[in-house]
Each structure stands twice: as structure tokens, then as C-alpha cells.
């Protein structure tokens, strides 16, 4: 299964599939019932959120290259043993 990392609230692409929210806190002012219809997320797993340092990269990214640096670092975090165990749990 391919995983694509997108910013919250961005338009969905055709056949995108399930959008998993991995932020520590849900968007302010958005009710849970509006998460999916507002292009936020279909399900929310805050325990899969990037580290605070990695989030700073995402917030500061203004170019595609900077966003790519965030994606690379976040993927590295997701490969850590602690999160790999969570990934195995989610596959069940």
C-alpha cells in the first residue's frame, strides 16, 4: 500500500483512499463530524504524529524542497522501532 503525506485541509486527489490524521491536536474550530467532509481526515491517530522538531519543519516549509525535507524526516521517524510496532498493530 502506498502512503502519501499531505497537509491537512488540502484537496483530495481522485481515488486517494483513507486519509489518516496524524496530528497531536485536532484542527481548532472543526467538529469531529466535519473532519472527513472538510478534507481534514477520515480517522485520527494522534499517537502517529511527527515529533515537535519535525512539525517545525512542516510549519516552516514554503517550497517543495522544504516540504520534501519534512516528508523524509517524518518517514524516518515512522520507521523507528516504537512506531513500527504500532504499524504492525494497525495492519491487523
PDB file of N, CA and C in Angstrom:
ATOM      1  N   UNK A   1       0.844  -1.171   0.000  1.00  0.00           N
ATOM      2  CA  UNK A   1       0.000   0.000   0.000  1.00  0.00           C
ATOM      3  C   UNK A   1       0.892   1.239   0.000  1.00  0.00           C
ATOM      4  N   UNK A   2       0.634   2.133  -0.895  1.00  0.00           N
ATOM      5  CA  UNK A   2       1.390   3.384  -0.968  1.00  0.00           C
ATOM      6  C   UNK A   2       0.857   4.368   0.069  1.00  0.00           C
ATOM      7  N   UNK A   3       1.775   5.097   0.671  1.00  0.00           N
ATOM      8  CA  UNK A   3       1.402   6.125   1.642  1.00  0.00           C
ATOM      9  C   UNK A   3       1.874   7.463   1.103  1.00  0.00           C
ATOM     10  N   UNK A   4       0.966   8.421   1.099  1.00  0.00           N
ATOM     11  CA  UNK A   4       1.267   9.766   0.631  1.00  0.00           C
ATOM     12  C   UNK A   4       1.071  10.722   1.797  1.00  0.00           C
ATOM     13  N   UNK A   5       2.008  11.616   2.032  1.00  0.00           N
ATOM     14  CA  UNK A   5       1.914  12.573   3.132  1.00  0.00           C
ATOM     15  C   UNK A   5       1.411  13.887   2.568  1.00  0.00           C
ATOM     16  N   UNK A   6       0.292  14.367   3.130  1.00  0.00           N
ATOM     17  CA  UNK A   6      -0.320  15.611   2.646  1.00  0.00           C
ATOM     18  C   UNK A   6      -0.573  16.550   3.820  1.00  0.00           C
ATOM     19  N   UNK A   7      -0.731  17.826   3.505  1.00  0.00           N
ATOM     20  CA  UNK A   7      -1.091  18.803   4.528  1.00  0.00           C
ATOM     21  C   UNK A   7      -2.577  18.686   4.839  1.00  0.00           C
ATOM     22  N   UNK A   8      -2.916  18.876   6.092  1.00  0.00           N
ATOM     23  CA  UNK A   8      -4.325  18.857   6.488  1.00  0.00           C
ATOM     24  C   UNK A   8      -5.102  19.926   5.734  1.00  0.00           C
ATOM     25  N   UNK A   9      -6.274  19.568   5.286  1.00  0.00           N
ATOM     26  CA  UNK A   9      -7.148  20.526   4.624  1.00  0.00           C
ATOM     27  C   UNK A   9      -6.916  20.665   3.134  1.00  0.00           C
ATOM     28  N   UNK A  10      -5.886  20.012   2.585  1.00  0.00           N
ATOM     29  CA  UNK A  10      -5.653  20.110   1.141  1.00  0.00           C
ATOM     30  C   UNK A  10      -6.697  19.289   0.396  1.00  0.00           C
ATOM     31  N   UNK A  11      -6.970  19.677  -0.827  1.00  0.00           N
ATOM     32  CA  UNK A  11      -7.942  18.959  -1.639  1.00  0.00           C
ATOM     33  C   UNK A  11      -7.499  17.520  -1.850  1.00  0.00           C
ATOM     34  N   UNK A  12      -8.459  16.630  -1.882  1.00  0.00           N
ATOM     35  CA  UNK A  12      -8.159  15.220  -2.127  1.00  0.00           C
ATOM     36  C   UNK A  12      -7.944  14.983  -3.618  1.00  0.00           C
ATOM     37  N   UNK A  13      -7.108  13.999  -3.917  1.00  0.00           N
ATOM     38  CA  UNK A  13      -6.907  13.600  -5.307  1.00  0.00           C
ATOM     39  C   UNK A  13      -7.850  12.436  -5.599  1.00  0.00           C
ATOM     40  N   UNK A  14      -8.191  12.201  -6.862  1.00  0.00           N
ATOM     41  CA  UNK A  14      -9.088  11.082  -7.186  1.00  0.00           C
ATOM     42  C   UNK A  14      -8.535   9.760  -6.646  1.00  0.00           C
ATOM     43  N   UNK A  15      -9.414   8.945  -6.109  1.00  0.00           N
ATOM     44  CA  UNK A  15      -9.062   7.621  -5.571  1.00  0.00           C
ATOM     45  C   UNK A  15      -7.987   7.686  -4.480  1.00  0.00           C
ATOM     46  N   UNK A  16      -7.993   8.750  -3.705  1.00  0.00           N
ATOM     47  CA  UNK A  16      -6.986   8.919  -2.654  1.00  0.00           C
ATOM     48  C   UNK A  16      -7.067   7.836  -1.598  1.00  0.00           C
ATOM     49  N   UNK A  17      -8.250   7.397  -1.276  1.00  0.00           N
ATOM     50  CA  UNK A  17      -8.401   6.395  -0.226  1.00  0.00           C
ATOM     51  C   UNK A  17      -8.542   7.038   1.136  1.00  0.00           C
ATOM     52  N   UNK A  18      -8.252   6.258   2.152  1.00  0.00           N
ATOM     53  CA  UNK A  18      -8.410   6.689   3.535  1.00  0.00           C
ATOM     54  C   UNK A  18      -7.378   7.745   3.895  1.00  0.00           C
ATOM     55  N   UNK A  19      -7.815   8.826   4.512  1.00  0.00           N
ATOM     56  CA  UNK A  19      -6.905   9.877   4.972  1.00  0.00           C
ATOM     57  C   UNK A  19      -6.810   9.758   6.483  1.00  0.00           C
ATOM     58  N   UNK A  20      -5.594   9.481   6.957  1.00  0.00           N
ATOM     59  CA  UNK A  20      -5.351   9.286   8.383  1.00  0.00           C
ATOM     60  C   UNK A  20      -4.722  10.554   8.954  1.00  0.00           C
ATOM     61  N   UNK A  21      -5.401  11.154   9.911  1.00  0.00           N
ATOM     62  CA  UNK A  21      -4.872  12.339  10.571  1.00  0.00           C
ATOM     63  C   UNK A  21      -3.862  11.940  11.623  1.00  0.00           C
ATOM     64  N   UNK A  22      -2.666  12.500  11.536  1.00  0.00           N
ATOM     65  CA  UNK A  22      -1.606  12.155  12.485  1.00  0.00           C
ATOM     66  C   UNK A  22      -1.063  13.415  13.148  1.00  0.00           C
ATOM     67  N   UNK A  23      -1.939  14.273  13.576  1.00  0.00           N
ATOM     68  CA  UNK A  23      -1.539  15.474  14.300  1.00  0.00           C
ATOM     69  C   UNK A  23      -1.852  15.269  15.779  1.00  0.00           C
ATOM     70  N   UNK A  24      -1.095  15.922  16.630  1.00  0.00           N
ATOM     71  CA  UNK A  24      -1.307  15.738  18.072  1.00  0.00           C
ATOM     72  C   UNK A  24      -2.625  16.340  18.544  1.00  0.00           C
ATOM     73  N   UNK A  25      -3.025  17.434  17.922  1.00  0.00           N
ATOM     74  CA  UNK A  25      -4.278  18.085  18.302  1.00  0.00           C
ATOM     75  C   UNK A  25      -5.127  18.277  17.057  1.00  0.00           C
ATOM     76  N   UNK A  26      -6.430  18.060  17.171  1.00  0.00           N
ATOM     77  CA  UNK A  26      -7.294  18.258  16.001  1.00  0.00           C
ATOM     78  C   UNK A  26      -7.373  19.733  15.623  1.00  0.00           C
ATOM     79  N   UNK A  27      -7.764  20.024  14.395  1.00  0.00           N
ATOM     80  CA  UNK A  27      -7.877  21.425  13.965  1.00  0.00           C
ATOM     81  C   UNK A  27      -8.856  22.192  14.854  1.00  0.00           C
ATOM     82  N   UNK A  28      -8.486  23.389  15.234  1.00  0.00           N
ATOM     83  CA  UNK A  28      -9.364  24.208  16.076  1.00  0.00           C
ATOM     84  C   UNK A  28     -10.594  24.640  15.302  1.00  0.00           C
ATOM     85  N   UNK A  29     -11.714  24.609  15.981  1.00  0.00           N
ATOM     86  CA  UNK A  29     -12.948  25.095  15.383  1.00  0.00           C
ATOM     87  C   UNK A  29     -13.587  24.143  14.395  1.00  0.00           C
ATOM     88  N   UNK A  30     -13.051  22.925  14.253  1.00  0.00           N
ATOM     89  CA  UNK A  30     -13.618  21.951  13.322  1.00  0.00           C
ATOM     90  C   UNK A  30     -14.182  20.799  14.154  1.00  0.00           C
ATOM     91  N   UNK A  31     -15.471  20.554  14.035  1.00  0.00           N
ATOM     92  CA  UNK A  31     -16.069  19.452  14.788  1.00  0.00           C
ATOM     93  C   UNK A  31     -15.651  18.121  14.164  1.00  0.00           C
ATOM     94  N   UNK A  32     -15.612  17.079  14.984  1.00  0.00           N
ATOM     95  CA  UNK A  32     -15.206  15.754  14.500  1.00  0.00           C
ATOM     96  C   UNK A  32     -16.072  15.278  13.345  1.00  0.00           C
ATOM     97  N   UNK A  33     -17.331  15.678  13.337  1.00  0.00           N
ATOM     98  CA  UNK A  33     -18.228  15.249  12.268  1.00  0.00           C
ATOM     99  C   UNK A  33     -17.858  15.889  10.925  1.00  0.00           C
ATOM    100  N   UNK A  34     -17.067  16.953  10.948  1.00  0.00           N
ATOM    101  CA  UNK A  34     -16.669  17.658   9.723  1.00  0.00           C
ATOM    102  C   UNK A  34     -15.256  17.296   9.250  1.00  0.00           C
ATOM    103  N   UNK A  35     -14.539  16.453  10.004  1.00  0.00           N
ATOM    104  CA  UNK A  35     -13.169  16.114   9.632  1.00  0.00           C
ATOM    105  C   UNK A  35     -13.084  15.594   8.200  1.00  0.00           C
ATOM    106  N   UNK A  36     -13.902  14.620   7.856  1.00  0.00           N
ATOM    107  CA  UNK A  36     -13.817  13.997   6.533  1.00  0.00           C
ATOM    108  C   UNK A  36     -14.323  14.909   5.432  1.00  0.00           C
ATOM    109  N   UNK A  37     -15.468  15.522   5.627  1.00  0.00           N
ATOM    110  CA  UNK A  37     -16.048  16.358   4.574  1.00  0.00           C
ATOM    111  C   UNK A  37     -15.246  17.628   4.333  1.00  0.00           C
ATOM    112  N   UNK A  38     -14.451  18.053   5.307  1.00  0.00           N
ATOM    113  CA  UNK A  38     -13.645  19.254   5.160  1.00  0.00           C
ATOM    114  C   UNK A  38     -12.228  18.973   4.706  1.00  0.00           C
ATOM    115  N   UNK A  39     -11.971  17.768   4.192  1.00  0.00           N
ATOM    116  CA  UNK A  39     -10.639  17.363   3.728  1.00  0.00           C
ATOM    117  C   UNK A  39      -9.602  17.361   4.835  1.00  0.00           C
ATOM    118  N   UNK A  40     -10.027  17.110   6.058  1.00  0.00           N
ATOM    119  CA  UNK A  40      -9.066  17.027   7.154  1.00  0.00           C
ATOM    120  C   UNK A  40      -8.569  15.591   7.278  1.00  0.00           C
ATOM    121  N   UNK A  41      -9.424  14.686   7.752  1.00  0.00           N
ATOM    122  CA  UNK A  41      -9.030  13.281   7.862  1.00  0.00           C
ATOM    123  C   UNK A  41     -10.271  12.413   8.046  1.00  0.00           C
ATOM    124  N   UNK A  42     -10.118  11.138   7.706  1.00  0.00           N
ATOM    125  CA  UNK A  42     -11.211  10.182   7.897  1.00  0.00           C
ATOM    126  C   UNK A  42     -11.128   9.536   9.281  1.00  0.00           C
ATOM    127  N   UNK A  43      -9.921   9.285   9.742  1.00  0.00           N
ATOM    128  CA  UNK A  43      -9.676   8.776  11.093  1.00  0.00           C
ATOM    129  C   UNK A  43      -8.513   9.574  11.677  1.00  0.00           C
ATOM    130  N   UNK A  44      -8.406   9.573  12.994  1.00  0.00           N
ATOM    131  CA  UNK A  44      -7.394  10.389  13.667  1.00  0.00           C
ATOM    132  C   UNK A  44      -6.591   9.520  14.620  1.00  0.00           C
ATOM    133  N   UNK A  45      -5.278   9.465  14.410  1.00  0.00           N
ATOM    134  CA  UNK A  45      -4.360   8.730  15.274  1.00  0.00           C
ATOM    135  C   UNK A  45      -3.266   9.686  15.761  1.00  0.00           C
ATOM    136  N   UNK A  46      -3.527  10.426  16.833  1.00  0.00           N
ATOM    137  CA  UNK A  46      -2.541  11.399  17.305  1.00  0.00           C
ATOM    138  C   UNK A  46      -1.235  10.761  17.751  1.00  0.00           C
ATOM    139  N   UNK A  47      -1.255   9.471  18.120  1.00  0.00           N
ATOM    140  CA  UNK A  47      -0.020   8.811  18.552  1.00  0.00           C
ATOM    141  C   UNK A  47       0.960   8.586  17.394  1.00  0.00           C
ATOM    142  N   UNK A  48       0.526   8.794  16.154  1.00  0.00           N
ATOM    143  CA  UNK A  48       1.401   8.674  14.991  1.00  0.00           C
ATOM    144  C   UNK A  48       1.928  10.027  14.520  1.00  0.00           C
ATOM    145  N   UNK A  49       1.692  11.059  15.302  1.00  0.00           N
ATOM    146  CA  UNK A  49       2.101  12.412  14.918  1.00  0.00           C
ATOM    147  C   UNK A  49       3.623  12.544  14.860  1.00  0.00           C
ATOM    148  N   UNK A  50       4.111  13.409  13.995  1.00  0.00           N
ATOM    149  CA  UNK A  50       5.551  13.683  13.959  1.00  0.00           C
ATOM    150  C   UNK A  50       6.012  14.314  15.268  1.00  0.00           C
ATOM    151  N   UNK A  51       7.305  14.223  15.527  1.00  0.00           N
ATOM    152  CA  UNK A  51       7.870  14.844  16.722  1.00  0.00           C
ATOM    153  C   UNK A  51       7.727  16.368  16.615  1.00  0.00           C
ATOM    154  N   UNK A  52       7.790  17.066  17.742  1.00  0.00           N
ATOM    155  CA  UNK A  52       7.701  18.535  17.692  1.00  0.00           C
ATOM    156  C   UNK A  52       8.756  19.173  16.785  1.00  0.00           C
ATOM    157  N   UNK A  53       9.968  18.612  16.770  1.00  0.00           N
ATOM    158  CA  UNK A  53      11.024  19.156  15.912  1.00  0.00           C
ATOM    159  C   UNK A  53      10.670  18.993  14.435  1.00  0.00           C
ATOM    160  N   UNK A  54      10.093  17.845  14.095  1.00  0.00           N
ATOM    161  CA  UNK A  54       9.721  17.587  12.703  1.00  0.00           C
ATOM    162  C   UNK A  54       8.530  18.446  12.300  1.00  0.00           C
ATOM    163  N   UNK A  55       7.631  18.692  13.212  1.00  0.00           N
ATOM    164  CA  UNK A  55       6.491  19.564  12.927  1.00  0.00           C
ATOM    165  C   UNK A  55       6.979  20.974  12.592  1.00  0.00           C
ATOM    166  N   UNK A  56       8.034  21.418  13.268  1.00  0.00           N
ATOM    167  CA  UNK A  56       8.595  22.742  12.966  1.00  0.00           C
ATOM    168  C   UNK A  56       9.043  22.815  11.510  1.00  0.00           C
ATOM    169  N   UNK A  57       9.607  21.713  10.985  1.00  0.00           N
ATOM    170  CA  UNK A  57       9.999  21.678   9.571  1.00  0.00           C
ATOM    171  C   UNK A  57       8.780  21.863   8.666  1.00  0.00           C
ATOM    172  N   UNK A  58       7.697  21.196   9.008  1.00  0.00           N
ATOM    173  CA  UNK A  58       6.481  21.287   8.187  1.00  0.00           C
ATOM    174  C   UNK A  58       5.923  22.705   8.212  1.00  0.00           C
ATOM    175  N   UNK A  59       5.890  23.302   9.380  1.00  0.00           N
ATOM    176  CA  UNK A  59       5.327  24.648   9.504  1.00  0.00           C
ATOM    177  C   UNK A  59       6.168  25.696   8.795  1.00  0.00           C
ATOM    178  N   UNK A  60       7.474  25.453   8.712  1.00  0.00           N
ATOM    179  CA  UNK A  60       8.369  26.415   8.072  1.00  0.00           C
ATOM    180  C   UNK A  60       8.540  26.160   6.577  1.00  0.00           C
ATOM    181  N   UNK A  61       7.958  25.080   6.064  1.00  0.00           N
ATOM    182  CA  UNK A  61       8.184  24.744   4.649  1.00  0.00           C
ATOM    183  C   UNK A  61       7.350  25.640   3.732  1.00  0.00           C
ATOM    184  N   UNK A  62       8.068  26.359   2.892  1.00  0.00           N
ATOM    185  CA  UNK A  62       7.433  27.244   1.916  1.00  0.00           C
ATOM    186  C   UNK A  62       7.669  26.768   0.489  1.00  0.00           C
ATOM    187  N   UNK A  63       8.646  25.905   0.312  1.00  0.00           N
ATOM    188  CA  UNK A  63       8.955  25.388  -1.018  1.00  0.00           C
ATOM    189  C   UNK A  63       8.744  23.879  -1.044  1.00  0.00           C
ATOM    190  N   UNK A  64       8.686  23.329  -2.230  1.00  0.00           N
ATOM    191  CA  UNK A  64       8.538  21.885  -2.378  1.00  0.00           C
ATOM    192  C   UNK A  64       9.753  21.161  -1.782  1.00  0.00           C
ATOM    193  N   UNK A  65      10.923  21.751  -1.918  1.00  0.00           N
ATOM    194  CA  UNK A  65      12.143  21.146  -1.370  1.00  0.00           C
ATOM    195  C   UNK A  65      12.085  21.071   0.159  1.00  0.00           C
ATOM    196  N   UNK A  66      11.605  22.147   0.798  1.00  0.00           N
ATOM    197  CA  UNK A  66      11.473  22.147   2.253  1.00  0.00           C
ATOM    198  C   UNK A  66      10.427  21.129   2.701  1.00  0.00           C
ATOM    199  N   UNK A  67       9.323  21.041   1.962  1.00  0.00           N
ATOM    200  CA  UNK A  67       8.297  20.044   2.288  1.00  0.00           C
ATOM    201  C   UNK A  67       8.887  18.641   2.138  1.00  0.00           C
ATOM    202  N   UNK A  68       9.704  18.434   1.131  1.00  0.00           N
ATOM    203  CA  UNK A  68      10.358  17.137   0.930  1.00  0.00           C
ATOM    204  C   UNK A  68      11.256  16.769   2.102  1.00  0.00           C
ATOM    205  N   UNK A  69      11.941  17.767   2.678  1.00  0.00           N
ATOM    206  CA  UNK A  69      12.787  17.516   3.851  1.00  0.00           C
ATOM    207  C   UNK A  69      11.930  17.067   5.033  1.00  0.00           C
ATOM    208  N   UNK A  70      10.765  17.702   5.194  1.00  0.00           N
ATOM    209  CA  UNK A  70       9.844  17.282   6.254  1.00  0.00           C
ATOM    210  C   UNK A  70       9.394  15.846   6.027  1.00  0.00           C
ATOM    211  N   UNK A  71       8.975  15.525   4.812  1.00  0.00           N
ATOM    212  CA  UNK A  71       8.488  14.179   4.496  1.00  0.00           C
ATOM    213  C   UNK A  71       9.576  13.140   4.777  1.00  0.00           C
ATOM    214  N   UNK A  72      10.792  13.426   4.369  1.00  0.00           N
ATOM    215  CA  UNK A  72      11.902  12.495   4.576  1.00  0.00           C
ATOM    216  C   UNK A  72      12.130  12.238   6.070  1.00  0.00           C
ATOM    217  N   UNK A  73      12.123  13.302   6.849  1.00  0.00           N
ATOM    218  CA  UNK A  73      12.348  13.151   8.293  1.00  0.00           C
ATOM    219  C   UNK A  73      11.192  12.415   8.959  1.00  0.00           C
ATOM    220  N   UNK A  74       9.966  12.723   8.547  1.00  0.00           N
ATOM    221  CA  UNK A  74       8.795  12.061   9.136  1.00  0.00           C
ATOM    222  C   UNK A  74       8.793  10.569   8.797  1.00  0.00           C
ATOM    223  N   UNK A  75       9.126  10.224   7.566  1.00  0.00           N
ATOM    224  CA  UNK A  75       9.207   8.807   7.185  1.00  0.00           C
ATOM    225  C   UNK A  75      10.270   8.085   8.015  1.00  0.00           C
ATOM    226  N   UNK A  76      11.384   8.758   8.295  1.00  0.00           N
ATOM    227  CA  UNK A  76      12.428   8.159   9.129  1.00  0.00           C
ATOM    228  C   UNK A  76      11.906   7.912  10.544  1.00  0.00           C
ATOM    229  N   UNK A  77      11.134   8.851  11.069  1.00  0.00           N
ATOM    230  CA  UNK A  77      10.544   8.666  12.399  1.00  0.00           C
ATOM    231  C   UNK A  77       9.569   7.497  12.391  1.00  0.00           C
ATOM    232  N   UNK A  78       8.793   7.380  11.336  1.00  0.00           N
ATOM    233  CA  UNK A  78       7.809   6.298  11.258  1.00  0.00           C
ATOM    234  C   UNK A  78       8.485   4.931  11.168  1.00  0.00           C
ATOM    235  N   UNK A  79       9.740   4.897  10.736  1.00  0.00           N
ATOM    236  CA  UNK A  79      10.478   3.635  10.637  1.00  0.00           C
ATOM    237  C   UNK A  79      11.131   3.250  11.964  1.00  0.00           C
ATOM    238  N   UNK A  80      11.026   4.114  12.974  1.00  0.00           N
ATOM    239  CA  UNK A  80      11.630   3.807  14.268  1.00  0.00           C
ATOM    240  C   UNK A  80      10.952   2.574  14.865  1.00  0.00           C
ATOM    241  N   UNK A  81      11.672   1.794  15.675  1.00  0.00           N
ATOM    242  CA  UNK A  81      11.095   0.567  16.235  1.00  0.00           C
ATOM    243  C   UNK A  81       9.787   0.786  16.996  1.00  0.00           C
ATOM    244  N   UNK A  82       9.707   1.872  17.761  1.00  0.00           N
ATOM    245  CA  UNK A  82       8.489   2.133  18.537  1.00  0.00           C
ATOM    246  C   UNK A  82       7.273   2.291  17.624  1.00  0.00           C
ATOM    247  N   UNK A  83       7.417   3.082  16.561  1.00  0.00           N
ATOM    248  CA  UNK A  83       6.302   3.293  15.646  1.00  0.00           C
ATOM    249  C   UNK A  83       6.094   2.103  14.725  1.00  0.00           C
ATOM    250  N   UNK A  84       7.132   1.341  14.449  1.00  0.00           N
ATOM    251  CA  UNK A  84       6.974   0.148  13.621  1.00  0.00           C
ATOM    252  C   UNK A  84       6.052  -0.851  14.321  1.00  0.00           C
ATOM    253  N   UNK A  85       6.148  -0.945  15.645  1.00  0.00           N
ATOM    254  CA  UNK A  85       5.244  -1.819  16.390  1.00  0.00           C
ATOM    255  C   UNK A  85       3.804  -1.351  16.247  1.00  0.00           C
ATOM    256  N   UNK A  86       3.588  -0.056  16.293  1.00  0.00           N
ATOM    257  CA  UNK A  86       2.239   0.484  16.112  1.00  0.00           C
ATOM    258  C   UNK A  86       1.734   0.169  14.718  1.00  0.00           C
ATOM    259  N   UNK A  87       2.615   0.276  13.730  1.00  0.00           N
ATOM    260  CA  UNK A  87       2.240  -0.008  12.346  1.00  0.00           C
ATOM    261  C   UNK A  87       1.794  -1.453  12.210  1.00  0.00           C
ATOM    262  N   UNK A  88       2.512  -2.377  12.852  1.00  0.00           N
ATOM    263  CA  UNK A  88       2.127  -3.783  12.791  1.00  0.00           C
ATOM    264  C   UNK A  88       0.753  -3.979  13.442  1.00  0.00           C
ATOM    265  N   UNK A  89       0.498  -3.282  14.528  1.00  0.00           N
ATOM    266  CA  UNK A  89      -0.800  -3.371  15.193  1.00  0.00           C
ATOM    267  C   UNK A  89      -1.911  -2.878  14.264  1.00  0.00           C
ATOM    268  N   UNK A  90      -1.667  -1.778  13.552  1.00  0.00           N
ATOM    269  CA  UNK A  90      -2.682  -1.211  12.673  1.00  0.00           C
ATOM    270  C   UNK A  90      -3.000  -2.120  11.487  1.00  0.00           C
ATOM    271  N   UNK A  91      -2.061  -2.945  11.088  1.00  0.00           N
ATOM    272  CA  UNK A  91      -2.273  -3.839   9.954  1.00  0.00           C
ATOM    273  C   UNK A  91      -3.226  -4.979  10.292  1.00  0.00           C
ATOM    274  N   UNK A  92      -3.406  -5.264  11.558  1.00  0.00           N
ATOM    275  CA  UNK A  92      -4.262  -6.395  11.979  1.00  0.00           C
ATOM    276  C   UNK A  92      -5.721  -6.070  11.825  1.00  0.00           C
TER     277      UNK A  92
END
